[in-house]
Amino acid sequence: MKVDVLLGLQWGDEGKGKIVDVLTPSYNLIARFQGGPNAGHTLEFDGIKHVLHTIPSGIFRENTMNVIGNGVVIDPVIFKREIESIEKLGVETSKCLVISKKAHLILPTHRLLDAASEAAKGKEKIGSTLKGIGPTYMDKTGRNGLRVGDILSHDFMHKYTTLVNKHKQLLAFYDYSYHLEQLEFEWFESLALLKKIPQIDSDYYLNDALSEGKSILAEGAQGSLLDIDFGTYPFVTSSTTTCAGACTGLGIAPNKIGNVIGIFKAYCTRVGSGPFPTELNDQTGEDMRKVGNEFGSTTGRARRCGWLDLPALKYAIMVSGVTELVMMKADVLSQFESIKVCTAYKIGNDISTSFPYDYEAEGATPIYEELAGWNNDLTAIENEAAFPKALNDYIAFIEAAVKVPVSIVSVGPNRNQTIIRKK
């Protein structure tokens, strides 16, 4: 058996949670491999909207085990709230959820450091979600972080105090006031629930599952263009969001990777700071935001909106070896008579179809091709045969450009508004 990987191909918010939920019945295990509660994976079914931050998006499907891998960072406070909201819906998380002992913990002081650092940057701020993700990964690579497995160790409080004292020294460099006591009280209180979730050696757990013939879907968070190495640095997240992150974040070998499913919106969005060549700072962008409800599920911040960027999409496909595509929010573009797609950039006197090292420094200006819009409500469509011709043409245009098939098209936020195309 192989591990299939599902990841975002833009700047996050592509709709990964919904598609994982749709695909889960075909898998025995769903495994999150990176990121933390900065993710906001939204699922809609049975008239209820669910937003998951840390827990894999297969949690609402029966007979599926959900794994939080070693590459994920966990805030016990947010995790506790998430568990409680899920269990109110009748899900027994202790029976369908396990956590890697090697996953790192977000401390209250990580969140304080995140906020202090971002405030100090002023206009140069990155656009952090202020969840403490970056400082936690810094401690991980600095080899002094706390892991889930440390909770049960005899010297846990010594490790905790040592790290917190280091953080206090760092906070002293900032002009930032804080009150740690209440944050710590809530944090330690949340550890009791975290201890109830089975802790596993996820590397052995997942490889044993493969040996037993079980099917696994690895679920990514954020998006490929926010990857720490291959994204629009420094306006990126702190983990590996590309397919390679599934190997390091779960403990599976590269030769165990099967299909790589890449998700993209029919247009582009971005939250926070950073380059965005096709951004629309006009009524068209505002219409996209309004109709698409483009507000962050984690932060509530308005998302920046713009036309689809094919050079960026092709780049994300290349670095992860994407084998099939899922196009989200096709219904949002139904309002437009015509649709633009960026097919290249003008950089100085040259035309380039490559993803630039630095958009702004190189002065990359998008070159567009205009296509006919479908001007049809797609939300009630139940099969591919009912697609308007203009939508089929749009899909064909993208497939011809990126050389990867679009296997699924989403026509609305609900689980049922998902069209599986003919192979």
Protein backbone atom coordinates (compact mmCIF):
# COMPACT_ATOMS: atom_id res chain seq x y z
CA MET A 1 0.00 0.00 0.00
CA LYS A 2 0.96 3.63 -0.53
CA VAL A 3 0.14 6.83 1.34
CA ASP A 4 -1.88 9.32 -0.70
CA VAL A 5 -1.20 12.97 0.09
CA LEU A 6 -3.67 15.84 -0.07
CA LEU A 7 -2.32 19.37 0.07
CA GLY A 8 -3.10 22.96 -0.88
CA LEU A 9 -1.46 24.52 -3.93
CA GLN A 10 -1.99 28.21 -3.19
CA TRP A 11 -1.69 30.41 -0.08
CA GLY A 12 -3.93 28.20 2.04
CA ASP A 13 -7.73 28.28 2.51
CA GLU A 14 -8.21 26.10 -0.58
CA GLY A 15 -10.81 23.81 1.01
CA LYS A 16 -8.66 20.90 2.12
CA GLY A 17 -10.90 19.98 5.04
CA LYS A 18 -13.97 19.53 2.89
CA ILE A 19 -12.23 17.27 0.38
CA VAL A 20 -10.58 15.15 3.09
CA ASP A 21 -14.04 14.64 4.57
CA VAL A 22 -15.41 13.67 1.15
CA LEU A 23 -12.57 11.21 0.46
CA THR A 24 -12.34 9.68 3.96
CA PRO A 25 -14.71 6.73 3.28
CA SER A 26 -12.05 5.41 0.89
CA TYR A 27 -9.34 5.34 3.58
CA ASN A 28 -8.66 3.55 6.87
CA LEU A 29 -6.56 6.36 8.35
CA ILE A 30 -6.35 10.14 7.97
CA ALA A 31 -3.08 11.68 9.18
CA ARG A 32 -2.25 15.39 9.66
CA PHE A 33 1.44 15.91 8.97
CA GLN A 34 2.33 19.57 9.68
CA GLY A 35 1.10 22.92 10.89
CA GLY A 36 -0.92 23.63 13.99
CA PRO A 37 -4.05 25.50 15.08
CA ASN A 38 -3.31 28.17 12.48
CA ALA A 39 -5.20 25.80 10.16
CA GLY A 40 -8.95 26.20 9.79
CA HIS A 41 -10.36 23.23 7.90
CA THR A 42 -14.07 23.82 7.33
CA LEU A 43 -16.61 21.02 6.82
CA GLU A 44 -20.33 21.45 6.17
CA PHE A 45 -22.90 18.66 6.33
CA ASP A 46 -26.25 17.93 7.98
CA GLY A 47 -26.88 21.66 8.28
CA ILE A 48 -23.89 22.22 10.56
CA LYS A 49 -20.61 24.00 9.88
CA HIS A 50 -17.53 22.52 11.56
CA VAL A 51 -14.08 24.17 11.73
CA LEU A 52 -11.13 21.94 12.65
CA HIS A 53 -7.76 23.36 13.66
CA THR A 54 -5.61 20.45 14.81
CA ILE A 55 -7.73 17.33 14.46
CA PRO A 56 -7.73 15.54 11.06
CA SER A 57 -10.78 16.13 8.87
CA GLY A 58 -11.79 12.46 8.85
CA ILE A 59 -12.99 12.69 12.44
CA PHE A 60 -16.71 12.76 11.57
CA ARG A 61 -16.62 9.58 9.49
CA GLU A 62 -17.14 6.21 11.16
CA ASN A 63 -14.59 3.38 10.98
CA THR A 64 -11.68 5.75 10.29
CA MET A 65 -8.71 6.34 12.59
CA ASN A 66 -7.31 9.87 12.75
CA VAL A 67 -3.64 10.50 13.45
CA ILE A 68 -1.96 13.74 14.53
CA GLY A 69 1.59 13.27 13.26
CA ASN A 70 4.94 14.28 14.67
CA GLY A 71 5.16 17.27 12.31
CA VAL A 72 2.15 18.97 13.91
CA VAL A 73 2.40 21.46 16.79
CA ILE A 74 -0.39 21.36 19.38
CA ASP A 75 -1.85 24.00 21.68
CA PRO A 76 -3.53 22.01 24.50
CA VAL A 77 -6.02 24.83 25.15
CA ILE A 78 -7.26 25.02 21.57
CA PHE A 79 -7.12 21.23 21.31
CA LYS A 80 -9.36 20.88 24.40
CA ARG A 81 -11.97 23.24 22.97
CA GLU A 82 -11.90 21.37 19.68
CA ILE A 83 -12.36 17.99 21.35
CA GLU A 84 -15.23 19.27 23.48
CA SER A 85 -17.08 20.72 20.48
CA ILE A 86 -16.69 17.46 18.53
CA GLU A 87 -17.78 15.24 21.39
CA LYS A 88 -20.97 17.30 21.79
CA LEU A 89 -21.89 15.88 18.37
CA GLY A 90 -21.51 12.31 19.61
CA VAL A 91 -17.98 11.57 18.37
CA GLU A 92 -15.96 9.47 20.82
CA THR A 93 -12.56 10.94 20.07
CA SER A 94 -10.68 8.58 22.40
CA LYS A 95 -11.64 5.72 20.06
CA CYS A 96 -10.84 7.33 16.70
CA LEU A 97 -7.98 9.74 17.41
CA VAL A 98 -4.32 9.19 18.33
CA ILE A 99 -1.41 11.60 18.74
CA SER A 100 2.27 11.18 17.99
CA LYS A 101 4.47 11.34 21.07
CA LYS A 102 6.88 13.38 18.95
CA ALA A 103 4.42 16.20 18.17
CA HIS A 104 5.56 19.45 19.79
CA LEU A 105 3.59 21.50 22.30
CA ILE A 106 2.74 25.18 21.97
CA LEU A 107 3.30 26.88 25.32
CA PRO A 108 1.58 30.08 26.48
CA THR A 109 4.94 31.85 26.19
CA HIS A 110 5.19 30.76 22.54
CA ARG A 111 2.00 32.73 21.88
CA LEU A 112 3.37 35.73 23.76
CA LEU A 113 6.59 35.62 21.75
CA ASP A 114 4.60 35.42 18.53
CA ALA A 115 2.54 38.48 19.44
CA ALA A 116 5.53 40.47 20.71
CA SER A 117 7.61 39.71 17.61
CA GLU A 118 4.80 40.60 15.23
CA ALA A 119 4.04 43.85 17.06
CA ALA A 120 7.71 44.84 16.93
CA LYS A 121 7.78 44.45 13.14
CA GLY A 122 5.16 47.17 12.65
CA LYS A 123 4.47 47.65 8.95
CA GLU A 124 6.90 44.84 8.15
CA LYS A 125 4.79 42.24 9.97
CA ILE A 126 4.34 38.87 8.28
CA GLY A 127 0.67 38.42 9.09
CA SER A 128 1.01 35.70 11.73
CA THR A 129 -2.14 34.15 13.18
CA LEU A 130 -0.52 34.78 16.61
CA LYS A 131 -1.06 31.16 17.63
CA GLY A 132 2.58 30.64 18.64
CA ILE A 133 3.32 28.39 15.66
CA GLY A 134 6.57 30.03 14.54
CA PRO A 135 8.22 30.21 18.00
CA THR A 136 7.26 26.57 18.63
CA TYR A 137 8.93 25.39 15.43
CA MET A 138 11.96 27.56 16.33
CA ASP A 139 12.29 25.70 19.62
CA LYS A 140 11.85 22.41 17.79
CA THR A 141 14.75 23.12 15.44
CA GLY A 142 16.66 24.68 18.35
CA ARG A 143 16.40 21.29 20.09
CA ASN A 144 14.83 22.50 23.30
CA GLY A 145 11.11 22.16 22.60
CA LEU A 146 8.54 20.21 24.61
CA ARG A 147 6.83 17.21 23.02
CA VAL A 148 3.57 15.44 23.76
CA GLY A 149 5.49 12.45 25.10
CA ASP A 150 7.14 14.70 27.70
CA ILE A 151 3.82 15.24 29.49
CA LEU A 152 4.10 11.88 31.21
CA SER A 153 7.82 12.11 32.01
CA HIS A 154 9.04 12.53 35.61
CA ASP A 155 10.94 15.74 34.79
CA PHE A 156 8.21 17.44 32.77
CA MET A 157 7.97 20.48 35.08
CA HIS A 158 11.72 20.97 34.96
CA LYS A 159 11.67 20.94 31.16
CA TYR A 160 8.69 23.29 31.11
CA THR A 161 10.21 25.77 33.55
CA THR A 162 13.55 25.79 31.76
CA LEU A 163 11.90 26.63 28.45
CA VAL A 164 9.59 29.26 29.93
CA ASN A 165 12.53 31.01 31.61
CA LYS A 166 14.29 31.15 28.26
CA HIS A 167 11.14 32.69 26.74
CA LYS A 168 10.94 35.29 29.51
CA GLN A 169 14.49 36.37 28.70
CA LEU A 170 13.52 36.77 25.05
CA LEU A 171 10.35 38.69 25.93
CA ALA A 172 12.47 41.13 27.92
CA PHE A 173 13.92 42.39 24.64
CA TYR A 174 10.48 43.56 23.51
CA ASP A 175 8.45 46.50 24.73
CA TYR A 176 5.52 44.18 25.34
CA SER A 177 3.48 43.75 28.51
CA TYR A 178 1.87 40.41 29.36
CA HIS A 179 0.21 38.42 32.12
CA LEU A 180 1.31 34.80 32.10
CA GLU A 181 -0.44 33.41 35.19
CA GLN A 182 -3.95 33.00 33.76
CA LEU A 183 -2.61 31.66 30.47
CA GLU A 184 -0.61 29.03 32.35
CA PHE A 185 -3.56 28.02 34.52
CA GLU A 186 -5.71 27.30 31.46
CA TRP A 187 -2.82 25.55 29.71
CA PHE A 188 -2.08 23.12 32.54
CA GLU A 189 -5.79 22.48 33.02
CA SER A 190 -6.02 21.45 29.35
CA LEU A 191 -3.24 18.88 29.70
CA ALA A 192 -5.63 16.58 31.57
CA LEU A 193 -7.72 16.08 28.45
CA LEU A 194 -4.67 15.75 26.22
CA LYS A 195 -3.47 12.87 28.39
CA LYS A 196 -6.70 10.96 27.68
CA ILE A 197 -5.96 10.73 23.96
CA PRO A 198 -3.77 7.69 23.16
CA GLN A 199 -0.15 8.63 22.49
CA ILE A 200 1.63 6.56 19.85
CA ASP A 201 4.93 6.11 18.06
CA SER A 202 3.32 7.38 14.87
CA ASP A 203 6.19 6.33 12.60
CA TYR A 204 5.80 2.67 13.58
CA TYR A 205 2.02 2.99 13.77
CA LEU A 206 1.66 4.23 10.18
CA ASN A 207 4.26 1.93 8.64
CA ASP A 208 2.69 -1.06 10.39
CA ALA A 209 -0.68 0.01 9.00
CA LEU A 210 0.78 0.06 5.49
CA SER A 211 2.24 -3.42 6.01
CA GLU A 212 -1.23 -4.61 7.03
CA GLY A 213 -2.69 -3.30 3.77
CA LYS A 214 -4.47 -0.31 5.28
CA SER A 215 -5.05 2.82 3.21
CA ILE A 216 -3.79 6.19 4.47
CA LEU A 217 -4.52 9.76 3.38
CA ALA A 218 -2.03 12.38 4.61
CA GLU A 219 -3.72 15.73 5.21
CA GLY A 220 -1.71 18.93 4.79
CA ALA A 221 -2.40 22.35 6.27
CA GLN A 222 -1.79 25.88 4.93
CA GLY A 223 -0.69 25.93 1.26
CA SER A 224 2.32 25.22 -0.95
CA LEU A 225 3.04 28.91 -1.56
CA LEU A 226 3.44 29.30 2.21
CA ASP A 227 6.09 26.56 2.43
CA ILE A 228 9.10 27.58 4.53
CA ASP A 229 11.50 26.76 1.64
CA PHE A 230 9.46 27.13 -1.52
CA GLY A 231 6.87 29.77 -0.62
CA THR A 232 6.94 33.57 -0.90
CA TYR A 233 9.59 33.93 1.80
CA PRO A 234 9.61 35.53 4.36
CA PHE A 235 5.81 35.75 4.18
CA VAL A 236 5.42 32.03 4.78
CA THR A 237 4.51 29.58 7.52
CA SER A 238 7.07 27.71 9.63
CA SER A 239 6.69 24.18 8.30
CA THR A 240 7.00 22.16 5.11
CA THR A 241 3.62 22.35 3.40
CA THR A 242 4.66 20.50 0.24
CA CYS A 243 4.53 16.73 -0.30
CA ALA A 244 7.96 16.30 1.30
CA GLY A 245 6.40 17.38 4.59
CA ALA A 246 4.28 14.22 4.63
CA CYS A 247 7.45 12.12 4.86
CA THR A 248 9.11 14.13 7.63
CA GLY A 249 5.84 14.87 9.42
CA LEU A 250 4.68 11.26 9.59
CA GLY A 251 7.82 9.13 9.38
CA ILE A 252 7.08 7.50 6.05
CA ALA A 253 9.64 6.97 3.28
CA PRO A 254 9.39 8.79 -0.08
CA ASN A 255 8.85 5.48 -1.89
CA LYS A 256 5.69 5.00 0.16
CA ILE A 257 3.96 8.03 -1.42
CA GLY A 258 1.15 7.19 -3.85
CA ASN A 259 -1.21 9.74 -5.39
CA VAL A 260 -0.62 13.41 -4.62
CA ILE A 261 -3.89 15.32 -4.69
CA GLY A 262 -3.50 19.08 -5.08
CA ILE A 263 -6.32 21.47 -4.22
CA PHE A 264 -6.73 24.94 -5.69
CA LYS A 265 -9.46 27.53 -5.89
CA ALA A 266 -10.82 28.59 -9.28
CA TYR A 267 -9.33 31.96 -8.33
CA CYS A 268 -6.72 32.98 -5.73
CA THR A 269 -6.88 34.27 -2.16
CA ARG A 270 -4.36 35.21 0.48
CA VAL A 271 -4.58 36.19 4.15
CA GLY A 272 -2.04 38.52 5.69
CA SER A 273 1.00 40.17 4.17
CA GLY A 274 3.11 39.10 1.21
CA PRO A 275 3.21 39.38 -2.59
CA PHE A 276 0.05 38.60 -4.55
CA PRO A 277 0.50 39.57 -8.25
CA THR A 278 -3.09 38.91 -9.39
CA GLU A 279 -4.73 40.64 -6.41
CA LEU A 280 -7.81 42.69 -7.29
CA ASN A 281 -8.11 45.87 -5.25
CA ASP A 282 -11.37 46.83 -6.93
CA GLN A 283 -15.06 45.92 -7.01
CA THR A 284 -14.32 42.62 -8.74
CA GLY A 285 -12.10 41.57 -5.83
CA GLU A 286 -14.72 42.73 -3.36
CA ASP A 287 -17.40 40.73 -5.19
CA MET A 288 -15.22 37.59 -5.00
CA ARG A 289 -14.73 38.15 -1.29
CA LYS A 290 -18.42 38.65 -0.61
CA VAL A 291 -19.79 35.78 -2.70
CA GLY A 292 -17.01 33.40 -1.67
CA ASN A 293 -17.31 34.39 2.00
CA GLU A 294 -13.58 34.93 1.97
CA PHE A 295 -12.88 35.54 5.62
CA GLY A 296 -10.38 33.44 7.57
CA SER A 297 -11.97 30.55 9.48
CA THR A 298 -9.22 30.82 12.11
CA THR A 299 -8.62 34.58 12.32
CA GLY A 300 -11.77 36.07 10.77
CA ARG A 301 -9.57 38.37 8.67
CA ALA A 302 -10.75 39.35 5.21
CA ARG A 303 -8.91 37.44 2.51
CA ARG A 304 -7.30 39.24 -0.40
CA CYS A 305 -8.79 38.00 -3.70
CA GLY A 306 -7.54 37.82 -7.28
CA TRP A 307 -7.55 35.84 -10.51
CA LEU A 308 -6.02 32.38 -10.88
CA ASP A 309 -2.22 32.42 -11.20
CA LEU A 310 -1.11 29.57 -13.49
CA PRO A 311 2.70 30.02 -13.14
CA ALA A 312 2.32 29.77 -9.35
CA LEU A 313 -0.01 26.77 -9.69
CA LYS A 314 2.38 24.96 -12.04
CA TYR A 315 5.25 25.63 -9.63
CA ALA A 316 3.31 24.13 -6.69
CA ILE A 317 2.42 21.10 -8.81
CA MET A 318 6.06 20.63 -9.77
CA VAL A 319 7.60 20.74 -6.29
CA SER A 320 5.11 18.21 -4.89
CA GLY A 321 4.71 15.90 -7.89
CA VAL A 322 0.93 16.39 -7.97
CA THR A 323 -0.89 13.63 -9.84
CA GLU A 324 -4.46 14.95 -9.77
CA LEU A 325 -6.22 18.21 -9.04
CA VAL A 326 -9.30 19.35 -7.16
CA MET A 327 -10.81 22.69 -8.18
CA MET A 328 -12.72 24.46 -5.42
CA LYS A 329 -15.29 27.26 -5.44
CA ALA A 330 -16.18 27.13 -9.11
CA ASP A 331 -19.59 28.44 -8.02
CA VAL A 332 -18.08 31.75 -6.84
CA LEU A 333 -17.07 32.70 -10.40
CA SER A 334 -20.63 32.24 -11.70
CA GLN A 335 -21.23 35.97 -11.24
CA PHE A 336 -18.70 37.06 -13.88
CA GLU A 337 -19.34 37.50 -17.61
CA SER A 338 -15.67 36.88 -18.30
CA ILE A 339 -12.80 35.42 -16.28
CA LYS A 340 -9.13 36.27 -16.40
CA VAL A 341 -6.24 33.85 -15.85
CA CYS A 342 -2.62 34.85 -15.35
CA THR A 343 -0.57 32.79 -17.82
CA ALA A 344 2.83 34.51 -17.43
CA TYR A 345 4.63 37.47 -15.86
CA LYS A 346 6.31 40.43 -17.50
CA ILE A 347 9.63 41.03 -15.73
CA GLY A 348 11.44 44.00 -17.20
CA ASN A 349 11.49 43.37 -20.95
CA ASP A 350 11.14 39.61 -20.56
CA ILE A 351 8.15 37.26 -20.41
CA SER A 352 8.44 34.50 -17.81
CA THR A 353 6.27 31.53 -16.88
CA SER A 354 8.43 30.69 -13.85
CA PHE A 355 7.59 31.41 -10.23
CA PRO A 356 9.85 34.38 -9.30
CA TYR A 357 12.40 34.30 -6.50
CA ASP A 358 11.07 37.68 -5.33
CA TYR A 359 7.89 39.00 -6.95
CA GLU A 360 8.28 42.57 -5.77
CA ALA A 361 12.03 42.97 -6.28
CA GLU A 362 11.76 41.58 -9.81
CA GLY A 363 8.68 43.70 -10.57
CA ALA A 364 6.63 40.77 -11.87
CA THR A 365 3.48 41.98 -13.62
CA PRO A 366 0.81 39.39 -14.54
CA ILE A 367 -0.10 38.76 -18.16
CA TYR A 368 -3.71 37.64 -18.52
CA GLU A 369 -5.76 35.57 -20.90
CA GLU A 370 -9.50 36.20 -20.83
CA LEU A 371 -12.06 33.38 -20.98
CA ALA A 372 -15.83 33.39 -21.14
CA GLY A 373 -17.65 33.07 -17.82
CA TRP A 374 -20.43 30.51 -17.34
CA ASN A 375 -22.90 32.87 -15.68
CA ASN A 376 -24.84 29.87 -14.30
CA ASP A 377 -25.69 28.89 -10.74
CA LEU A 378 -23.65 25.72 -10.13
CA THR A 379 -24.73 24.98 -6.56
CA ALA A 380 -27.54 22.55 -7.49
CA ILE A 381 -25.51 20.60 -10.07
CA GLU A 382 -25.27 16.89 -9.27
CA ASN A 383 -23.03 15.55 -12.03
CA GLU A 384 -20.47 16.60 -14.60
CA ALA A 385 -22.95 16.27 -17.49
CA ALA A 386 -24.73 19.37 -16.20
CA PHE A 387 -21.62 21.58 -16.34
CA PRO A 388 -22.01 24.67 -18.56
CA LYS A 389 -19.76 24.63 -21.61
CA ALA A 390 -17.79 27.63 -20.36
CA LEU A 391 -16.95 25.78 -17.13
CA ASN A 392 -15.76 22.75 -19.08
CA ASP A 393 -13.66 25.07 -21.25
CA TYR A 394 -12.15 26.69 -18.15
CA ILE A 395 -11.22 23.30 -16.70
CA ALA A 396 -9.77 22.15 -20.03
CA PHE A 397 -7.74 25.35 -20.28
CA ILE A 398 -6.20 24.73 -16.85
CA GLU A 399 -5.53 21.05 -17.55
CA ALA A 400 -3.78 21.88 -20.82
CA ALA A 401 -1.59 24.45 -19.07
CA VAL A 402 -0.53 22.37 -16.04
CA LYS A 403 -0.62 18.89 -17.62
CA VAL A 404 -2.49 17.36 -14.65
CA PRO A 405 -6.15 16.26 -14.69
CA VAL A 406 -8.86 17.89 -12.58
CA SER A 407 -10.61 14.92 -10.94
CA ILE A 408 -12.98 16.75 -8.60
CA VAL A 409 -14.86 20.05 -8.86
CA SER A 410 -16.53 21.67 -5.85
CA VAL A 411 -19.69 23.67 -6.58
CA GLY A 412 -20.57 24.71 -3.02
CA PRO A 413 -19.45 24.43 0.60
CA ASN A 414 -21.54 21.39 1.52
CA ARG A 415 -20.17 17.85 1.52
CA ASN A 416 -22.76 16.93 -1.15
CA GLN A 417 -21.78 19.78 -3.48
CA THR A 418 -18.79 17.85 -4.78
CA ILE A 419 -18.61 16.52 -8.33
CA ILE A 420 -16.35 13.56 -9.05
CA ARG A 421 -15.43 13.78 -12.72
CA LYS A 422 -15.16 10.81 -15.04
CA LYS A 423 -11.70 9.29 -15.08
